Amino acid sequence: MGYQKTIKNPISCSGIGLHSGGKVRLTLKPAPIGAGIIFRRVDLPDHPAIPARIENLINVNYATSLCLGDVQIQTVEHLMAAFAGLGVDNIVVELDAAEVPIMDGSAAPFIYLLHEAGIEVQSQTRYYLRIKKSIKVGDDDKFAMLSPANEFRISYNLDFNHHLLKNQRASLVCSEEVFTNKLARARTFGFLDEVMELRKNGLAKGGSLDNAVVIGRYNILNEGLRFSEEFVYHKIVDSIGDLYLLGYPLLGHLMAHKAGHSLHSELTRQIVKQPDKWELVSGVAYRAQLQQQKRFTVYPQLQRANALFQRRAVV
């Protein structure tokens, strides 16, 4: 966790855009230290680039999209979440259309691409944005809040007016292992009546049961879920991708209730506006601090084992 990362080799894939329905070719390329995440439209003259930063964020109703001047990139959240999940700091994303391909509706195909390309550790430390004071957006009904923590923990509560999506909760520490093995395969989802309305408005043209979980009035139209927590896990994936527009990995506890792209993005904006509530810490120094703490920690299970040993010795 101490140093910046990129990928070793370029790698490409093709898919369709969720909203455009058009074919898209995506290529990931290594980037130098400090470059950040750069999206590039290779289908346009001069191949204009858009840094993946909060100041370039636009429309977040049904997807997270970026804009710089007249150039747009849509539906970046799953790819951004994959970068965050594997700790990729510097990378170039080339696209020959205005939308990142939806693939199977999850972050898992992008995790596969990154593993195939190979992760390369670079020679400069990465910095973490550590929350010092709580920051909250929303109200009592719907909110997203970041509080101080020595890790990136997410506690998410999903609650829709539908019997299949009532009060789903998950709380976890977002490590690389957790993201890869638990979160990445969770697919995007939507209600059938909303999908039909989106299509009337020229959106979701590429959506199908192959790349989204579609929920009818009484049941799920797909053959089934990948796991019971798939809905809430996908919301967590979206939040990870949206918050990575800060440009730094987080150390803090995200607590969200009935949130979505809009609140994730507003929280990200508020973090930037309130620099007194966070600090940047060196990944190398932070790792050394954690190792020092572990060295002098007496874990509860060791305490219990020692007490049991002592009782047996007395007997």
C-alpha atoms as a PDB file:
ATOM      1  CA  MET A   1       0.000   0.000   0.000  1.00  0.00           C
ATOM      2  CA  GLY A   2       3.018   2.289   0.218  1.00  0.00           C
ATOM      3  CA  TYR A   3       3.862   3.056  -3.425  1.00  0.00           C
ATOM      4  CA  GLN A   4       2.073   4.200  -6.546  1.00  0.00           C
ATOM      5  CA  LYS A   5       0.993   1.629  -9.128  1.00  0.00           C
ATOM      6  CA  THR A   6       0.342   1.425 -12.856  1.00  0.00           C
ATOM      7  CA  ILE A   7       0.054  -1.538 -15.237  1.00  0.00           C
ATOM      8  CA  LYS A   8       2.925  -3.346 -16.950  1.00  0.00           C
ATOM      9  CA  ASN A   9       1.460  -3.773 -20.441  1.00  0.00           C
ATOM     10  CA  PRO A  10      -1.278  -2.258 -22.607  1.00  0.00           C
ATOM     11  CA  ILE A  11      -4.472  -4.302 -22.873  1.00  0.00           C
ATOM     12  CA  SER A  12      -7.743  -3.868 -24.786  1.00  0.00           C
ATOM     13  CA  CYS A  13     -11.329  -5.088 -24.827  1.00  0.00           C
ATOM     14  CA  SER A  14     -14.564  -4.307 -26.638  1.00  0.00           C
ATOM     15  CA  GLY A  15     -18.135  -4.001 -25.434  1.00  0.00           C
ATOM     16  CA  ILE A  16     -21.238  -1.850 -25.710  1.00  0.00           C
ATOM     17  CA  GLY A  17     -22.254   1.332 -23.955  1.00  0.00           C
ATOM     18  CA  LEU A  18     -25.062   0.890 -21.436  1.00  0.00           C
ATOM     19  CA  HIS A  19     -26.854   4.067 -22.453  1.00  0.00           C
ATOM     20  CA  SER A  20     -25.658   4.605 -26.032  1.00  0.00           C
ATOM     21  CA  GLY A  21     -25.971   0.965 -27.105  1.00  0.00           C
ATOM     22  CA  GLY A  22     -22.988   1.522 -29.407  1.00  0.00           C
ATOM     23  CA  LYS A  23     -19.862  -0.602 -29.699  1.00  0.00           C
ATOM     24  CA  VAL A  24     -16.842   0.672 -27.758  1.00  0.00           C
ATOM     25  CA  ARG A  25     -13.191  -0.324 -27.782  1.00  0.00           C
ATOM     26  CA  LEU A  26     -11.293   0.348 -24.559  1.00  0.00           C
ATOM     27  CA  THR A  27      -7.515   0.220 -24.172  1.00  0.00           C
ATOM     28  CA  LEU A  28      -5.632   0.551 -20.884  1.00  0.00           C
ATOM     29  CA  LYS A  29      -2.037   1.804 -21.025  1.00  0.00           C
ATOM     30  CA  PRO A  30       0.682   2.352 -18.403  1.00  0.00           C
ATOM     31  CA  ALA A  31       1.201   5.905 -17.155  1.00  0.00           C
ATOM     32  CA  PRO A  32       4.166   7.547 -15.403  1.00  0.00           C
ATOM     33  CA  ILE A  33       4.407   8.436 -11.709  1.00  0.00           C
ATOM     34  CA  GLY A  34       2.032  11.213 -10.716  1.00  0.00           C
ATOM     35  CA  ALA A  35      -0.002  11.101 -13.943  1.00  0.00           C
ATOM     36  CA  GLY A  36      -3.215  10.004 -12.265  1.00  0.00           C
ATOM     37  CA  ILE A  37      -6.077   8.424 -14.190  1.00  0.00           C
ATOM     38  CA  ILE A  38      -6.511   9.925 -17.649  1.00  0.00           C
ATOM     39  CA  PHE A  39      -9.370   9.196 -20.069  1.00  0.00           C
ATOM     40  CA  ARG A  40      -8.628   9.865 -23.751  1.00  0.00           C
ATOM     41  CA  ARG A  41     -11.042   9.972 -26.691  1.00  0.00           C
ATOM     42  CA  VAL A  42      -9.060   8.465 -29.578  1.00  0.00           C
ATOM     43  CA  ASP A  43     -12.046   8.829 -31.928  1.00  0.00           C
ATOM     44  CA  LEU A  44     -11.779  12.621 -31.831  1.00  0.00           C
ATOM     45  CA  PRO A  45      -9.187  14.914 -33.468  1.00  0.00           C
ATOM     46  CA  ASP A  46      -6.035  15.380 -31.364  1.00  0.00           C
ATOM     47  CA  HIS A  47      -7.223  12.649 -28.950  1.00  0.00           C
ATOM     48  CA  PRO A  48      -8.422  15.020 -26.177  1.00  0.00           C
ATOM     49  CA  ALA A  49      -7.853  13.871 -22.583  1.00  0.00           C
ATOM     50  CA  ILE A  50      -9.960  14.239 -19.437  1.00  0.00           C
ATOM     51  CA  PRO A  51      -8.366  13.691 -16.004  1.00  0.00           C
ATOM     52  CA  ALA A  52     -10.575  11.613 -13.716  1.00  0.00           C
ATOM     53  CA  ARG A  53     -11.046  14.324 -11.100  1.00  0.00           C
ATOM     54  CA  ILE A  54     -14.062  15.700  -9.290  1.00  0.00           C
ATOM     55  CA  GLU A  55     -13.812  19.078 -11.035  1.00  0.00           C
ATOM     56  CA  ASN A  56     -14.599  17.325 -14.343  1.00  0.00           C
ATOM     57  CA  LEU A  57     -17.686  15.523 -13.033  1.00  0.00           C
ATOM     58  CA  ILE A  58     -21.048  16.118 -14.705  1.00  0.00           C
ATOM     59  CA  ASN A  59     -24.435  14.294 -14.863  1.00  0.00           C
ATOM     60  CA  VAL A  60     -24.817  11.703 -12.085  1.00  0.00           C
ATOM     61  CA  ASN A  61     -28.479  10.717 -12.428  1.00  0.00           C
ATOM     62  CA  TYR A  62     -27.952   7.232 -13.823  1.00  0.00           C
ATOM     63  CA  ALA A  63     -24.180   7.114 -14.317  1.00  0.00           C
ATOM     64  CA  THR A  64     -21.038   8.997 -13.378  1.00  0.00           C
ATOM     65  CA  SER A  65     -19.715  10.993 -16.314  1.00  0.00           C
ATOM     66  CA  LEU A  66     -16.829  13.358 -16.987  1.00  0.00           C
ATOM     67  CA  CYS A  67     -16.619  16.437 -19.187  1.00  0.00           C
ATOM     68  CA  LEU A  68     -13.873  18.849 -20.185  1.00  0.00           C
ATOM     69  CA  GLY A  69     -14.834  21.477 -22.732  1.00  0.00           C
ATOM     70  CA  ASP A  70     -16.932  19.758 -25.394  1.00  0.00           C
ATOM     71  CA  VAL A  71     -15.532  16.283 -24.654  1.00  0.00           C
ATOM     72  CA  GLN A  72     -17.445  13.774 -22.536  1.00  0.00           C
ATOM     73  CA  ILE A  73     -16.846  10.310 -21.090  1.00  0.00           C
ATOM     74  CA  GLN A  74     -19.871   8.520 -19.641  1.00  0.00           C
ATOM     75  CA  THR A  75     -20.356   5.668 -17.152  1.00  0.00           C
ATOM     76  CA  VAL A  76     -16.874   5.623 -15.612  1.00  0.00           C
ATOM     77  CA  GLU A  77     -17.838   4.370 -12.128  1.00  0.00           C
ATOM     78  CA  HIS A  78     -17.213   0.609 -12.478  1.00  0.00           C
ATOM     79  CA  LEU A  79     -13.827   1.101 -14.124  1.00  0.00           C
ATOM     80  CA  MET A  80     -12.863   3.710 -11.517  1.00  0.00           C
ATOM     81  CA  ALA A  81     -13.897   1.290  -8.773  1.00  0.00           C
ATOM     82  CA  ALA A  82     -11.642  -1.395 -10.257  1.00  0.00           C
ATOM     83  CA  PHE A  83      -8.707   1.044 -10.225  1.00  0.00           C
ATOM     84  CA  ALA A  84      -9.451   1.933  -6.614  1.00  0.00           C
ATOM     85  CA  GLY A  85      -9.934  -1.704  -5.624  1.00  0.00           C
ATOM     86  CA  LEU A  86      -6.534  -2.752  -6.965  1.00  0.00           C
ATOM     87  CA  GLY A  87      -4.790   0.465  -5.944  1.00  0.00           C
ATOM     88  CA  VAL A  88      -3.979   1.669  -9.464  1.00  0.00           C
ATOM     89  CA  ASP A  89      -2.881   5.306  -9.306  1.00  0.00           C
ATOM     90  CA  ASN A  90      -1.609   6.059 -12.804  1.00  0.00           C
ATOM     91  CA  ILE A  91      -3.178   4.779 -16.024  1.00  0.00           C
ATOM     92  CA  VAL A  92      -4.392   5.962 -19.436  1.00  0.00           C
ATOM     93  CA  VAL A  93      -7.846   4.841 -20.600  1.00  0.00           C
ATOM     94  CA  GLU A  94      -8.342   5.167 -24.349  1.00  0.00           C
ATOM     95  CA  LEU A  95     -11.872   4.999 -25.772  1.00  0.00           C
ATOM     96  CA  ASP A  96     -13.175   5.237 -29.338  1.00  0.00           C
ATOM     97  CA  ALA A  97     -16.610   6.389 -28.141  1.00  0.00           C
ATOM     98  CA  ALA A  98     -18.138   8.561 -25.424  1.00  0.00           C
ATOM     99  CA  GLU A  99     -18.963   5.758 -22.984  1.00  0.00           C
ATOM    100  CA  VAL A 100     -17.020   3.119 -21.061  1.00  0.00           C
ATOM    101  CA  PRO A 101     -18.326  -0.345 -22.082  1.00  0.00           C
ATOM    102  CA  ILE A 102     -20.710  -1.839 -19.543  1.00  0.00           C
ATOM    103  CA  MET A 103     -19.324  -5.395 -19.954  1.00  0.00           C
ATOM    104  CA  ASP A 104     -21.394  -7.659 -17.654  1.00  0.00           C
ATOM    105  CA  GLY A 105     -22.571  -4.772 -15.473  1.00  0.00           C
ATOM    106  CA  SER A 106     -19.953  -5.312 -12.766  1.00  0.00           C
ATOM    107  CA  ALA A 107     -16.343  -4.328 -12.079  1.00  0.00           C
ATOM    108  CA  ALA A 108     -15.108  -7.929 -12.437  1.00  0.00           C
ATOM    109  CA  PRO A 109     -14.168  -7.763 -16.162  1.00  0.00           C
ATOM    110  CA  PHE A 110     -12.014  -4.709 -15.461  1.00  0.00           C
ATOM    111  CA  ILE A 111     -10.317  -6.507 -12.565  1.00  0.00           C
ATOM    112  CA  TYR A 112      -9.560  -9.352 -15.008  1.00  0.00           C
ATOM    113  CA  LEU A 113      -8.099  -6.889 -17.544  1.00  0.00           C
ATOM    114  CA  LEU A 114      -5.872  -5.274 -14.929  1.00  0.00           C
ATOM    115  CA  HIS A 115      -4.599  -8.646 -13.704  1.00  0.00           C
ATOM    116  CA  GLU A 116      -3.869  -9.733 -17.287  1.00  0.00           C
ATOM    117  CA  ALA A 117      -1.999  -6.486 -17.956  1.00  0.00           C
ATOM    118  CA  GLY A 118      -0.031  -6.951 -14.730  1.00  0.00           C
ATOM    119  CA  ILE A 119       0.246  -4.489 -11.847  1.00  0.00           C
ATOM    120  CA  GLU A 120       3.542  -2.608 -11.613  1.00  0.00           C
ATOM    121  CA  VAL A 121       4.680  -0.943  -8.403  1.00  0.00           C
ATOM    122  CA  GLN A 122       6.349   2.412  -9.076  1.00  0.00           C
ATOM    123  CA  SER A 123       9.167   4.063  -7.171  1.00  0.00           C
ATOM    124  CA  GLN A 124       7.254   6.937  -5.549  1.00  0.00           C
ATOM    125  CA  THR A 125       5.034   6.824  -2.487  1.00  0.00           C
ATOM    126  CA  ARG A 126       1.280   7.164  -2.896  1.00  0.00           C
ATOM    127  CA  TYR A 127      -0.675   9.509  -0.658  1.00  0.00           C
ATOM    128  CA  TYR A 128      -3.896   8.766   1.194  1.00  0.00           C
ATOM    129  CA  LEU A 129      -6.627  11.237   2.041  1.00  0.00           C
ATOM    130  CA  ARG A 130      -7.304  10.676   5.737  1.00  0.00           C
ATOM    131  CA  ILE A 131     -10.526  12.052   7.206  1.00  0.00           C
ATOM    132  CA  LYS A 132      -9.972  13.992  10.464  1.00  0.00           C
ATOM    133  CA  LYS A 133     -13.518  15.317  11.056  1.00  0.00           C
ATOM    134  CA  SER A 134     -16.861  13.980   9.874  1.00  0.00           C
ATOM    135  CA  ILE A 135     -18.374  15.297   6.633  1.00  0.00           C
ATOM    136  CA  LYS A 136     -22.038  14.619   5.830  1.00  0.00           C
ATOM    137  CA  VAL A 137     -24.384  15.351   2.933  1.00  0.00           C
ATOM    138  CA  GLY A 138     -28.105  14.631   2.629  1.00  0.00           C
ATOM    139  CA  ASP A 139     -30.755  14.528   5.334  1.00  0.00           C
ATOM    140  CA  ASP A 140     -32.191  12.099   7.878  1.00  0.00           C
ATOM    141  CA  ASP A 141     -33.879  10.049   5.139  1.00  0.00           C
ATOM    142  CA  LYS A 142     -30.980   9.787   2.680  1.00  0.00           C
ATOM    143  CA  PHE A 143     -27.369  10.591   3.474  1.00  0.00           C
ATOM    144  CA  ALA A 144     -23.710   9.831   2.924  1.00  0.00           C
ATOM    145  CA  MET A 145     -21.095  10.595   5.576  1.00  0.00           C
ATOM    146  CA  LEU A 146     -17.362  10.090   6.015  1.00  0.00           C
ATOM    147  CA  SER A 147     -15.928   9.836   9.527  1.00  0.00           C
ATOM    148  CA  PRO A 148     -12.358   9.319  10.794  1.00  0.00           C
ATOM    149  CA  ALA A 149     -10.932   5.785  10.608  1.00  0.00           C
ATOM    150  CA  ASN A 150      -7.506   4.198  10.128  1.00  0.00           C
ATOM    151  CA  GLU A 151      -8.754   2.162   7.149  1.00  0.00           C
ATOM    152  CA  PHE A 152     -11.268   2.515   4.345  1.00  0.00           C
ATOM    153  CA  ARG A 153     -14.446   1.044   5.822  1.00  0.00           C
ATOM    154  CA  ILE A 154     -17.876   1.190   4.200  1.00  0.00           C
ATOM    155  CA  SER A 155     -21.224   0.673   5.944  1.00  0.00           C
ATOM    156  CA  TYR A 156     -24.051   0.866   3.422  1.00  0.00           C
ATOM    157  CA  ASN A 157     -27.804   0.535   3.880  1.00  0.00           C
ATOM    158  CA  LEU A 158     -30.000   0.058   0.833  1.00  0.00           C
ATOM    159  CA  ASP A 159     -33.773   0.479   1.249  1.00  0.00           C
ATOM    160  CA  PHE A 160     -36.160   0.630  -1.730  1.00  0.00           C
ATOM    161  CA  ASN A 161     -39.934   0.429  -1.748  1.00  0.00           C
ATOM    162  CA  HIS A 162     -39.778  -3.126  -3.081  1.00  0.00           C
ATOM    163  CA  HIS A 163     -39.948  -6.402  -1.179  1.00  0.00           C
ATOM    164  CA  LEU A 164     -36.698  -7.648  -2.773  1.00  0.00           C
ATOM    165  CA  LEU A 165     -34.689  -4.582  -1.775  1.00  0.00           C
ATOM    166  CA  LYS A 166     -35.824  -3.758   1.748  1.00  0.00           C
ATOM    167  CA  ASN A 167     -33.186  -2.939   4.368  1.00  0.00           C
ATOM    168  CA  GLN A 168     -30.147  -4.606   2.818  1.00  0.00           C
ATOM    169  CA  ARG A 169     -27.040  -3.811   4.834  1.00  0.00           C
ATOM    170  CA  ALA A 170     -23.329  -4.480   4.514  1.00  0.00           C
ATOM    171  CA  SER A 171     -20.292  -3.287   6.444  1.00  0.00           C
ATOM    172  CA  LEU A 172     -16.754  -4.151   5.444  1.00  0.00           C
ATOM    173  CA  VAL A 173     -13.179  -2.950   5.180  1.00  0.00           C
ATOM    174  CA  CYS A 174     -12.407  -2.335   1.526  1.00  0.00           C
ATOM    175  CA  SER A 175      -9.114  -4.152   1.036  1.00  0.00           C
ATOM    176  CA  GLU A 176      -7.905  -5.429  -2.338  1.00  0.00           C
ATOM    177  CA  GLU A 177      -8.913  -8.956  -1.369  1.00  0.00           C
ATOM    178  CA  VAL A 178     -12.399  -7.920  -0.292  1.00  0.00           C
ATOM    179  CA  PHE A 179     -12.947  -5.901  -3.451  1.00  0.00           C
ATOM    180  CA  THR A 180     -11.752  -8.675  -5.749  1.00  0.00           C
ATOM    181  CA  ASN A 181     -13.472 -11.592  -4.017  1.00  0.00           C
ATOM    182  CA  LYS A 182     -16.662  -9.991  -2.658  1.00  0.00           C
ATOM    183  CA  LEU A 183     -17.568  -6.760  -4.387  1.00  0.00           C
ATOM    184  CA  ALA A 184     -16.312  -6.819  -7.966  1.00  0.00           C
ATOM    185  CA  ARG A 185     -18.854  -9.328  -9.334  1.00  0.00           C
ATOM    186  CA  ALA A 186     -21.905  -7.403  -8.098  1.00  0.00           C
ATOM    187  CA  ARG A 187     -23.864  -6.181 -11.146  1.00  0.00           C
ATOM    188  CA  THR A 188     -25.731  -2.961 -11.727  1.00  0.00           C
ATOM    189  CA  PHE A 189     -29.486  -3.250 -11.279  1.00  0.00           C
ATOM    190  CA  GLY A 190     -32.684  -1.445 -12.147  1.00  0.00           C
ATOM    191  CA  PHE A 191     -36.449  -1.728 -12.078  1.00  0.00           C
ATOM    192  CA  LEU A 192     -38.250  -2.825 -15.253  1.00  0.00           C
ATOM    193  CA  ASP A 193     -40.576   0.189 -15.315  1.00  0.00           C
ATOM    194  CA  GLU A 194     -37.589   2.550 -14.919  1.00  0.00           C
ATOM    195  CA  VAL A 195     -35.711   0.792 -17.733  1.00  0.00           C
ATOM    196  CA  MET A 196     -38.658   1.265 -20.075  1.00  0.00           C
ATOM    197  CA  GLU A 197     -38.863   4.945 -19.157  1.00  0.00           C
ATOM    198  CA  LEU A 198     -35.130   5.407 -19.717  1.00  0.00           C
ATOM    199  CA  ARG A 199     -35.395   3.892 -23.172  1.00  0.00           C
ATOM    200  CA  LYS A 200     -38.211   6.281 -24.029  1.00  0.00           C
ATOM    201  CA  ASN A 201     -35.782   9.084 -23.159  1.00  0.00           C
ATOM    202  CA  GLY A 202     -32.979   7.674 -25.300  1.00  0.00           C
ATOM    203  CA  LEU A 203     -31.040   6.019 -22.457  1.00  0.00           C
ATOM    204  CA  ALA A 204     -30.266   2.393 -21.496  1.00  0.00           C
ATOM    205  CA  LYS A 205     -30.205   1.395 -25.184  1.00  0.00           C
ATOM    206  CA  GLY A 206     -27.486  -1.171 -24.473  1.00  0.00           C
ATOM    207  CA  GLY A 207     -29.054  -2.558 -21.300  1.00  0.00           C
ATOM    208  CA  SER A 208     -30.063  -6.214 -21.202  1.00  0.00           C
ATOM    209  CA  LEU A 209     -30.214  -9.194 -18.869  1.00  0.00           C
ATOM    210  CA  ASP A 210     -26.602  -9.865 -19.905  1.00  0.00           C
ATOM    211  CA  ASN A 211     -25.324  -6.703 -18.234  1.00  0.00           C
ATOM    212  CA  ALA A 212     -27.824  -5.774 -15.519  1.00  0.00           C
ATOM    213  CA  VAL A 213     -30.112  -7.297 -12.923  1.00  0.00           C
ATOM    214  CA  VAL A 214     -33.647  -6.278 -13.881  1.00  0.00           C
ATOM    215  CA  ILE A 215     -36.294  -6.277 -11.151  1.00  0.00           C
ATOM    216  CA  GLY A 216     -39.951  -6.676 -12.018  1.00  0.00           C
ATOM    217  CA  ARG A 217     -42.906  -5.974  -9.773  1.00  0.00           C
ATOM    218  CA  TYR A 218     -42.777  -9.395  -8.149  1.00  0.00           C
ATOM    219  CA  ASN A 219     -39.508 -11.051  -9.137  1.00  0.00           C
ATOM    220  CA  ILE A 220     -36.072 -10.780 -10.730  1.00  0.00           C
ATOM    221  CA  LEU A 221     -36.142 -11.275 -14.510  1.00  0.00           C
ATOM    222  CA  ASN A 222     -32.621 -12.748 -14.629  1.00  0.00           C
ATOM    223  CA  GLU A 223     -31.967 -16.386 -13.792  1.00  0.00           C
ATOM    224  CA  GLY A 224     -30.877 -15.303 -10.331  1.00  0.00           C
ATOM    225  CA  LEU A 225     -28.410 -13.293  -8.263  1.00  0.00           C
ATOM    226  CA  ARG A 226     -24.715 -14.069  -8.009  1.00  0.00           C
ATOM    227  CA  PHE A 227     -24.982 -13.816  -4.212  1.00  0.00           C
ATOM    228  CA  SER A 228     -27.559 -12.599  -1.721  1.00  0.00           C
ATOM    229  CA  GLU A 229     -25.821  -9.241  -1.075  1.00  0.00           C
ATOM    230  CA  GLU A 230     -25.457  -8.373  -4.768  1.00  0.00           C
ATOM    231  CA  PHE A 231     -27.655  -5.260  -4.667  1.00  0.00           C
ATOM    232  CA  VAL A 232     -25.995  -3.578  -1.702  1.00  0.00           C
ATOM    233  CA  TYR A 233     -22.543  -4.703  -2.831  1.00  0.00           C
ATOM    234  CA  HIS A 234     -23.058  -3.003  -6.179  1.00  0.00           C
ATOM    235  CA  LYS A 235     -24.004   0.231  -4.436  1.00  0.00           C
ATOM    236  CA  ILE A 236     -20.744  -0.035  -2.529  1.00  0.00           C
ATOM    237  CA  VAL A 237     -18.851  -0.527  -5.812  1.00  0.00           C
ATOM    238  CA  ASP A 238     -20.485   2.625  -7.204  1.00  0.00           C
ATOM    239  CA  SER A 239     -19.504   4.594  -4.095  1.00  0.00           C
ATOM    240  CA  ILE A 240     -15.879   3.431  -4.347  1.00  0.00           C
ATOM    241  CA  GLY A 241     -15.682   4.491  -7.988  1.00  0.00           C
ATOM    242  CA  ASP A 242     -17.325   7.861  -7.340  1.00  0.00           C
ATOM    243  CA  LEU A 243     -15.095   8.694  -4.363  1.00  0.00           C
ATOM    244  CA  TYR A 244     -11.943   7.808  -6.322  1.00  0.00           C
ATOM    245  CA  LEU A 245     -12.534  11.009  -8.286  1.00  0.00           C
ATOM    246  CA  LEU A 246     -10.842  12.674  -5.311  1.00  0.00           C
ATOM    247  CA  GLY A 247      -7.578  11.514  -6.879  1.00  0.00           C
ATOM    248  CA  TYR A 248      -6.452   9.751  -3.698  1.00  0.00           C
ATOM    249  CA  PRO A 249      -7.401   6.551  -1.864  1.00  0.00           C
ATOM    250  CA  LEU A 250      -9.340   7.164   1.337  1.00  0.00           C
ATOM    251  CA  LEU A 251      -8.754   6.461   4.999  1.00  0.00           C
ATOM    252  CA  GLY A 252     -12.142   6.918   6.613  1.00  0.00           C
ATOM    253  CA  HIS A 253     -15.490   5.294   7.330  1.00  0.00           C
ATOM    254  CA  LEU A 254     -18.161   5.855   4.692  1.00  0.00           C
ATOM    255  CA  MET A 255     -21.671   5.475   6.117  1.00  0.00           C
ATOM    256  CA  ALA A 256     -24.457   5.690   3.558  1.00  0.00           C
ATOM    257  CA  HIS A 257     -28.218   5.255   3.810  1.00  0.00           C
ATOM    258  CA  LYS A 258     -30.411   5.137   0.677  1.00  0.00           C
ATOM    259  CA  ALA A 259     -27.641   6.957  -1.201  1.00  0.00           C
ATOM    260  CA  GLY A 260     -26.542   6.804  -4.827  1.00  0.00           C
ATOM    261  CA  HIS A 261     -24.363   8.568  -7.400  1.00  0.00           C
ATOM    262  CA  SER A 262     -25.774  12.001  -6.576  1.00  0.00           C
ATOM    263  CA  LEU A 263     -24.957  11.832  -2.859  1.00  0.00           C
ATOM    264  CA  HIS A 264     -21.612  10.099  -3.451  1.00  0.00           C
ATOM    265  CA  SER A 265     -20.619  12.913  -5.789  1.00  0.00           C
ATOM    266  CA  GLU A 266     -21.881  15.667  -3.487  1.00  0.00           C
ATOM    267  CA  LEU A 267     -19.894  14.142  -0.636  1.00  0.00           C
ATOM    268  CA  THR A 268     -16.793  14.131  -2.826  1.00  0.00           C
ATOM    269  CA  ARG A 269     -17.321  17.802  -3.664  1.00  0.00           C
ATOM    270  CA  GLN A 270     -17.777  18.698   0.004  1.00  0.00           C
ATOM    271  CA  ILE A 271     -14.523  16.957   0.918  1.00  0.00           C
ATOM    272  CA  VAL A 272     -12.677  19.167  -1.558  1.00  0.00           C
ATOM    273  CA  LYS A 273     -14.417  22.260  -0.180  1.00  0.00           C
ATOM    274  CA  GLN A 274     -13.516  21.469   3.458  1.00  0.00           C
ATOM    275  CA  PRO A 275      -9.724  20.917   3.552  1.00  0.00           C
ATOM    276  CA  ASP A 276      -9.650  21.475   7.322  1.00  0.00           C
ATOM    277  CA  LYS A 277     -11.407  18.120   7.784  1.00  0.00           C
ATOM    278  CA  TRP A 278      -8.794  15.937   6.104  1.00  0.00           C
ATOM    279  CA  GLU A 279      -5.072  15.558   5.502  1.00  0.00           C
ATOM    280  CA  LEU A 280      -2.798  13.776   3.048  1.00  0.00           C
ATOM    281  CA  VAL A 281      -0.575  11.101   4.555  1.00  0.00           C
ATOM    282  CA  SER A 282       2.312   9.222   2.971  1.00  0.00           C
ATOM    283  CA  GLY A 283       1.550   5.592   2.203  1.00  0.00           C
ATOM    284  CA  VAL A 284       5.045   4.516   3.226  1.00  0.00           C
ATOM    285  CA  ALA A 285       4.816   6.272   6.597  1.00  0.00           C
ATOM    286  CA  TYR A 286       1.288   5.007   7.153  1.00  0.00           C
ATOM    287  CA  ARG A 287       2.307   1.402   6.471  1.00  0.00           C
ATOM    288  CA  ALA A 288       5.197   1.699   8.915  1.00  0.00           C
ATOM    289  CA  GLN A 289       2.825   3.135  11.525  1.00  0.00           C
ATOM    290  CA  LEU A 290       0.428   0.198  11.112  1.00  0.00           C
ATOM    291  CA  GLN A 291       3.248  -2.317  11.406  1.00  0.00           C
ATOM    292  CA  GLN A 292       4.447  -0.630  14.599  1.00  0.00           C
ATOM    293  CA  GLN A 293       0.942  -0.733  16.068  1.00  0.00           C
ATOM    294  CA  LYS A 294       0.550  -4.434  15.248  1.00  0.00           C
ATOM    295  CA  ARG A 295       3.885  -5.209  16.844  1.00  0.00           C
ATOM    296  CA  PHE A 296       2.674  -3.984  20.217  1.00  0.00           C
ATOM    297  CA  THR A 297      -0.953  -5.127  19.984  1.00  0.00           C
ATOM    298  CA  VAL A 298      -2.122  -7.932  22.248  1.00  0.00           C
ATOM    299  CA  TYR A 299      -4.985  -9.469  20.311  1.00  0.00           C
ATOM    300  CA  PRO A 300      -8.094 -10.601  22.242  1.00  0.00           C
ATOM    301  CA  GLN A 301      -7.803 -14.198  21.006  1.00  0.00           C
ATOM    302  CA  LEU A 302      -4.232 -14.359  22.311  1.00  0.00           C
ATOM    303  CA  GLN A 303      -5.378 -12.985  25.649  1.00  0.00           C
ATOM    304  CA  ARG A 304      -8.089 -15.646  25.878  1.00  0.00           C
ATOM    305  CA  ALA A 305      -5.653 -18.402  24.909  1.00  0.00           C
ATOM    306  CA  ASN A 306      -3.150 -17.239  27.498  1.00  0.00           C
ATOM    307  CA  ALA A 307      -5.822 -17.121  30.232  1.00  0.00           C
ATOM    308  CA  LEU A 308      -6.958 -20.646  29.338  1.00  0.00           C
ATOM    309  CA  PHE A 309      -3.366 -21.886  29.432  1.00  0.00           C
ATOM    310  CA  GLN A 310      -2.854 -20.358  32.867  1.00  0.00           C
ATOM    311  CA  ARG A 311      -6.034 -21.969  34.251  1.00  0.00           C
ATOM    312  CA  ARG A 312      -4.955 -25.365  32.945  1.00  0.00           C
ATOM    313  CA  ALA A 313      -1.490 -24.882  34.463  1.00  0.00           C
ATOM    314  CA  VAL A 314      -3.030 -24.177  37.884  1.00  0.00           C
ATOM    315  CA  VAL A 315      -5.187 -27.315  37.667  1.00  0.00           C
END
